[in-house]
Amino acid sequence: METNDTKNKPGPVADIYAQTFYHGTKADFKEGDLIGPGFNSNYGTNKKAVYVYLSATLDAATWGAELALGDGPGRIYIVEPTGTIEDDPNLTDKKFPGNPTKSYRSKEPIRVIGEVKDWQGHPPEVLQKMKDHLEELKRLGIEAIED
């Protein structure tokens, strides 16, 4: 008898559905909201993003929350993909072979299923170093990979 129970499926499909994913931002979302592509990117020239980004590590989501554009506080949401996800080429193989940051992207929305309330940000000097690095990339015209 076949079922739709992904816990009994072998391989990557079961792993993806058993994985917790996070999305860091300054936007205020509620449980059940969909976060999709089409918003301005937080990097480079801030053009509209073709993808929405998510991570299986709290550290990568923390960077997202800290570096997001906007005036509000950084927020980290627990999310689930509604469609296909792929490795984020901005971090995988280009900077960190094998995707140790567990960073992903999707052209389909991700659904908010909760919020991490007690996360800790990076030390101020580490955060400033990252902001300086991103400013240098912007100055050089280096954009996120959006192919």
C-alpha atoms as a PDB file:
ATOM      1  CA  MET A   1       0.000   0.000   0.000  1.00  0.00           C
ATOM      2  CA  GLU A   2       1.430   3.408  -0.988  1.00  0.00           C
ATOM      3  CA  THR A   3       1.100   6.469   1.212  1.00  0.00           C
ATOM      4  CA  ASN A   4       2.152  10.089   1.047  1.00  0.00           C
ATOM      5  CA  ASP A   5       4.116   9.666   4.277  1.00  0.00           C
ATOM      6  CA  THR A   6       7.489  11.245   3.460  1.00  0.00           C
ATOM      7  CA  LYS A   7       9.032   9.890   6.678  1.00  0.00           C
ATOM      8  CA  ASN A   8       9.080   6.416   5.133  1.00  0.00           C
ATOM      9  CA  LYS A   9      10.637   7.523   1.847  1.00  0.00           C
ATOM     10  CA  PRO A  10      14.354   6.863   1.500  1.00  0.00           C
ATOM     11  CA  GLY A  11      16.971   9.375   0.448  1.00  0.00           C
ATOM     12  CA  PRO A  12      16.989  13.144  -0.079  1.00  0.00           C
ATOM     13  CA  VAL A  13      13.214  13.629  -0.257  1.00  0.00           C
ATOM     14  CA  ALA A  14      12.730  12.354   3.289  1.00  0.00           C
ATOM     15  CA  ASP A  15      15.753  14.350   4.477  1.00  0.00           C
ATOM     16  CA  ILE A  16      14.349  17.619   3.115  1.00  0.00           C
ATOM     17  CA  TYR A  17      10.973  17.094   4.760  1.00  0.00           C
ATOM     18  CA  ALA A  18      12.580  16.143   8.078  1.00  0.00           C
ATOM     19  CA  GLN A  19      14.849  19.228   8.031  1.00  0.00           C
ATOM     20  CA  THR A  20      14.125  22.472   9.886  1.00  0.00           C
ATOM     21  CA  PHE A  21      14.610  25.557   7.719  1.00  0.00           C
ATOM     22  CA  TYR A  22      15.037  29.199   8.724  1.00  0.00           C
ATOM     23  CA  HIS A  23      14.666  32.571   7.020  1.00  0.00           C
ATOM     24  CA  GLY A  24      16.260  35.717   8.467  1.00  0.00           C
ATOM     25  CA  THR A  25      14.741  39.109   7.644  1.00  0.00           C
ATOM     26  CA  LYS A  26      13.469  42.370   9.113  1.00  0.00           C
ATOM     27  CA  ALA A  27       9.989  41.864   7.680  1.00  0.00           C
ATOM     28  CA  ASP A  28       7.136  41.151  10.069  1.00  0.00           C
ATOM     29  CA  PHE A  29       5.402  37.892   9.158  1.00  0.00           C
ATOM     30  CA  LYS A  30       2.803  35.772  10.880  1.00  0.00           C
ATOM     31  CA  GLU A  31       2.403  32.007  11.005  1.00  0.00           C
ATOM     32  CA  GLY A  32       0.978  30.802   7.693  1.00  0.00           C
ATOM     33  CA  ASP A  33       2.297  33.754   5.655  1.00  0.00           C
ATOM     34  CA  LEU A  34       4.095  32.978   2.405  1.00  0.00           C
ATOM     35  CA  ILE A  35       7.468  34.568   1.659  1.00  0.00           C
ATOM     36  CA  GLY A  36       8.193  34.558  -2.029  1.00  0.00           C
ATOM     37  CA  PRO A  37      10.664  35.932  -4.535  1.00  0.00           C
ATOM     38  CA  GLY A  38      10.153  39.360  -6.044  1.00  0.00           C
ATOM     39  CA  PHE A  39      11.276  41.518  -3.121  1.00  0.00           C
ATOM     40  CA  ASN A  40      14.351  43.714  -3.358  1.00  0.00           C
ATOM     41  CA  SER A  41      17.558  41.852  -2.573  1.00  0.00           C
ATOM     42  CA  ASN A  42      19.547  42.838   0.503  1.00  0.00           C
ATOM     43  CA  TYR A  43      22.771  42.695  -1.497  1.00  0.00           C
ATOM     44  CA  GLY A  44      24.421  44.411  -4.442  1.00  0.00           C
ATOM     45  CA  THR A  45      22.193  46.989  -6.143  1.00  0.00           C
ATOM     46  CA  ASN A  46      19.103  45.664  -4.356  1.00  0.00           C
ATOM     47  CA  LYS A  47      17.357  44.545  -7.545  1.00  0.00           C
ATOM     48  CA  LYS A  48      14.285  42.340  -7.287  1.00  0.00           C
ATOM     49  CA  ALA A  49      15.287  38.821  -6.239  1.00  0.00           C
ATOM     50  CA  VAL A  50      14.340  35.921  -8.475  1.00  0.00           C
ATOM     51  CA  TYR A  51      14.619  33.522  -5.530  1.00  0.00           C
ATOM     52  CA  VAL A  52      13.666  33.365  -1.878  1.00  0.00           C
ATOM     53  CA  TYR A  53      16.425  32.103   0.414  1.00  0.00           C
ATOM     54  CA  LEU A  54      16.360  29.731   3.360  1.00  0.00           C
ATOM     55  CA  SER A  55      18.881  27.860   5.454  1.00  0.00           C
ATOM     56  CA  ALA A  56      19.045  24.786   7.632  1.00  0.00           C
ATOM     57  CA  THR A  57      21.432  26.587  10.012  1.00  0.00           C
ATOM     58  CA  LEU A  58      20.491  29.208  12.543  1.00  0.00           C
ATOM     59  CA  ASP A  59      23.809  30.997  11.921  1.00  0.00           C
ATOM     60  CA  ALA A  60      23.035  31.622   8.239  1.00  0.00           C
ATOM     61  CA  ALA A  61      19.535  32.860   9.168  1.00  0.00           C
ATOM     62  CA  THR A  62      21.104  35.132  11.790  1.00  0.00           C
ATOM     63  CA  TRP A  63      23.198  36.759   9.059  1.00  0.00           C
ATOM     64  CA  GLY A  64      20.021  37.233   7.026  1.00  0.00           C
ATOM     65  CA  ALA A  65      18.242  38.892   9.951  1.00  0.00           C
ATOM     66  CA  GLU A  66      21.193  41.146  10.765  1.00  0.00           C
ATOM     67  CA  LEU A  67      21.961  42.209   7.192  1.00  0.00           C
ATOM     68  CA  ALA A  68      18.405  42.631   5.912  1.00  0.00           C
ATOM     69  CA  LEU A  69      17.381  46.067   4.748  1.00  0.00           C
ATOM     70  CA  GLY A  70      14.843  47.994   6.760  1.00  0.00           C
ATOM     71  CA  ASP A  71      14.417  49.723  10.064  1.00  0.00           C
ATOM     72  CA  GLY A  72      12.732  47.014  12.121  1.00  0.00           C
ATOM     73  CA  PRO A  73      14.421  44.447  14.306  1.00  0.00           C
ATOM     74  CA  GLY A  74      15.939  41.355  12.742  1.00  0.00           C
ATOM     75  CA  ARG A  75      13.651  38.331  12.850  1.00  0.00           C
ATOM     76  CA  ILE A  76      14.224  34.657  12.214  1.00  0.00           C
ATOM     77  CA  TYR A  77      11.351  32.522  11.033  1.00  0.00           C
ATOM     78  CA  ILE A  78      11.015  28.769  10.898  1.00  0.00           C
ATOM     79  CA  VAL A  79       9.819  28.045   7.369  1.00  0.00           C
ATOM     80  CA  GLU A  80       8.899  25.198   5.088  1.00  0.00           C
ATOM     81  CA  PRO A  81       9.349  25.106   1.334  1.00  0.00           C
ATOM     82  CA  THR A  82       6.191  24.874  -0.765  1.00  0.00           C
ATOM     83  CA  GLY A  83       8.118  23.630  -3.788  1.00  0.00           C
ATOM     84  CA  THR A  84      11.542  22.679  -5.011  1.00  0.00           C
ATOM     85  CA  ILE A  85      14.663  24.037  -3.314  1.00  0.00           C
ATOM     86  CA  GLU A  86      18.249  24.003  -4.572  1.00  0.00           C
ATOM     87  CA  ASP A  87      21.671  24.771  -3.133  1.00  0.00           C
ATOM     88  CA  ASP A  88      22.363  28.515  -3.050  1.00  0.00           C
ATOM     89  CA  PRO A  89      25.229  28.980  -5.538  1.00  0.00           C
ATOM     90  CA  ASN A  90      26.167  32.277  -3.865  1.00  0.00           C
ATOM     91  CA  LEU A  91      27.560  30.244  -0.974  1.00  0.00           C
ATOM     92  CA  THR A  92      27.933  26.689  -2.217  1.00  0.00           C
ATOM     93  CA  ASP A  93      30.858  25.530  -4.311  1.00  0.00           C
ATOM     94  CA  LYS A  94      31.799  29.180  -4.929  1.00  0.00           C
ATOM     95  CA  LYS A  95      32.770  29.936  -1.324  1.00  0.00           C
ATOM     96  CA  PHE A  96      32.067  26.816   0.722  1.00  0.00           C
ATOM     97  CA  PRO A  97      32.292  23.552  -1.268  1.00  0.00           C
ATOM     98  CA  GLY A  98      29.692  20.987  -0.284  1.00  0.00           C
ATOM     99  CA  ASN A  99      27.207  23.505   1.193  1.00  0.00           C
ATOM    100  CA  PRO A 100      28.312  23.457   4.871  1.00  0.00           C
ATOM    101  CA  THR A 101      26.118  26.532   5.473  1.00  0.00           C
ATOM    102  CA  LYS A 102      23.125  24.483   4.301  1.00  0.00           C
ATOM    103  CA  SER A 103      21.905  27.488   2.327  1.00  0.00           C
ATOM    104  CA  TYR A 104      19.181  27.035  -0.259  1.00  0.00           C
ATOM    105  CA  ARG A 105      16.965  29.014  -2.605  1.00  0.00           C
ATOM    106  CA  SER A 106      13.625  28.524  -4.334  1.00  0.00           C
ATOM    107  CA  LYS A 107      11.571  30.217  -7.015  1.00  0.00           C
ATOM    108  CA  GLU A 108       8.496  29.125  -5.089  1.00  0.00           C
ATOM    109  CA  PRO A 109       7.320  30.636  -1.791  1.00  0.00           C
ATOM    110  CA  ILE A 110       8.281  29.391   1.640  1.00  0.00           C
ATOM    111  CA  ARG A 111       5.660  29.213   4.412  1.00  0.00           C
ATOM    112  CA  VAL A 112       6.194  30.658   7.887  1.00  0.00           C
ATOM    113  CA  ILE A 113       5.478  28.000  10.505  1.00  0.00           C
ATOM    114  CA  GLY A 114       7.012  29.704  13.544  1.00  0.00           C
ATOM    115  CA  GLU A 115       9.510  32.248  14.810  1.00  0.00           C
ATOM    116  CA  VAL A 116      12.781  31.878  16.709  1.00  0.00           C
ATOM    117  CA  LYS A 117      12.534  34.435  19.511  1.00  0.00           C
ATOM    118  CA  ASP A 118      15.746  33.869  21.495  1.00  0.00           C
ATOM    119  CA  TRP A 119      18.470  34.003  18.836  1.00  0.00           C
ATOM    120  CA  GLN A 120      21.783  35.721  19.455  1.00  0.00           C
ATOM    121  CA  GLY A 121      23.357  38.100  16.958  1.00  0.00           C
ATOM    122  CA  HIS A 122      26.999  38.160  15.953  1.00  0.00           C
ATOM    123  CA  PRO A 123      29.427  40.333  17.955  1.00  0.00           C
ATOM    124  CA  PRO A 124      29.334  43.973  16.752  1.00  0.00           C
ATOM    125  CA  GLU A 125      32.865  43.871  15.301  1.00  0.00           C
ATOM    126  CA  VAL A 126      32.092  40.698  13.304  1.00  0.00           C
ATOM    127  CA  LEU A 127      28.851  42.201  12.001  1.00  0.00           C
ATOM    128  CA  GLN A 128      30.635  45.414  10.991  1.00  0.00           C
ATOM    129  CA  LYS A 129      33.325  43.443   9.158  1.00  0.00           C
ATOM    130  CA  MET A 130      30.616  41.636   7.154  1.00  0.00           C
ATOM    131  CA  LYS A 131      28.831  44.915   6.372  1.00  0.00           C
ATOM    132  CA  ASP A 132      32.128  46.422   5.182  1.00  0.00           C
ATOM    133  CA  HIS A 133      32.726  43.372   2.985  1.00  0.00           C
ATOM    134  CA  LEU A 134      29.259  43.659   1.430  1.00  0.00           C
ATOM    135  CA  GLU A 135      29.814  47.369   0.765  1.00  0.00           C
ATOM    136  CA  GLU A 136      33.057  46.503  -1.031  1.00  0.00           C
ATOM    137  CA  LEU A 137      31.241  43.914  -3.188  1.00  0.00           C
ATOM    138  CA  LYS A 138      28.604  46.515  -4.011  1.00  0.00           C
ATOM    139  CA  ARG A 139      31.305  49.046  -4.903  1.00  0.00           C
ATOM    140  CA  LEU A 140      32.892  46.473  -7.214  1.00  0.00           C
ATOM    141  CA  GLY A 141      29.519  45.722  -8.860  1.00  0.00           C
ATOM    142  CA  ILE A 142      29.473  42.105  -7.714  1.00  0.00           C
ATOM    143  CA  GLU A 143      25.896  40.811  -7.610  1.00  0.00           C
ATOM    144  CA  ALA A 144      24.291  37.672  -6.272  1.00  0.00           C
ATOM    145  CA  ILE A 145      24.030  34.766  -8.697  1.00  0.00           C
ATOM    146  CA  GLU A 146      20.467  34.812 -10.054  1.00  0.00           C
ATOM    147  CA  ASP A 147      20.641  32.447 -13.056  1.00  0.00           C
END
